[in-house]
Amino acid sequence: MALVNVLYDSDNFCVAEFAAGGGIELVDKHACRSGYLEGHVAARLRACMARLQSDAQDEDAVDEFLCTYDALLTNAVRLH
């Protein structure tokens, strides 16, 4: 069983799901910021990502959606 499942990875963002706690880490690669999402916020992001993937949205559309989570990315990324 994988401990981390990468849900999405682009030049701009990475979204990783952690098996142990059910949380999701969202990383903005250009801003060097990340956030760990849990509970209802993580569930909503997971559902929206699944819908975007099933709708075969292009990378720009997914990245634009992930930008809406910008305010939650409060951790500086030093090494990732």
Foldseek 3Di string as FASTA:
>chain_A
DDQKDWLDDDPAWTWIAGPPQRWIKIAGVVVQFIAIDDDPVRVVVVVVSVVCVVVVPDPVVVVVVVVVCVVRRDHGHDDD
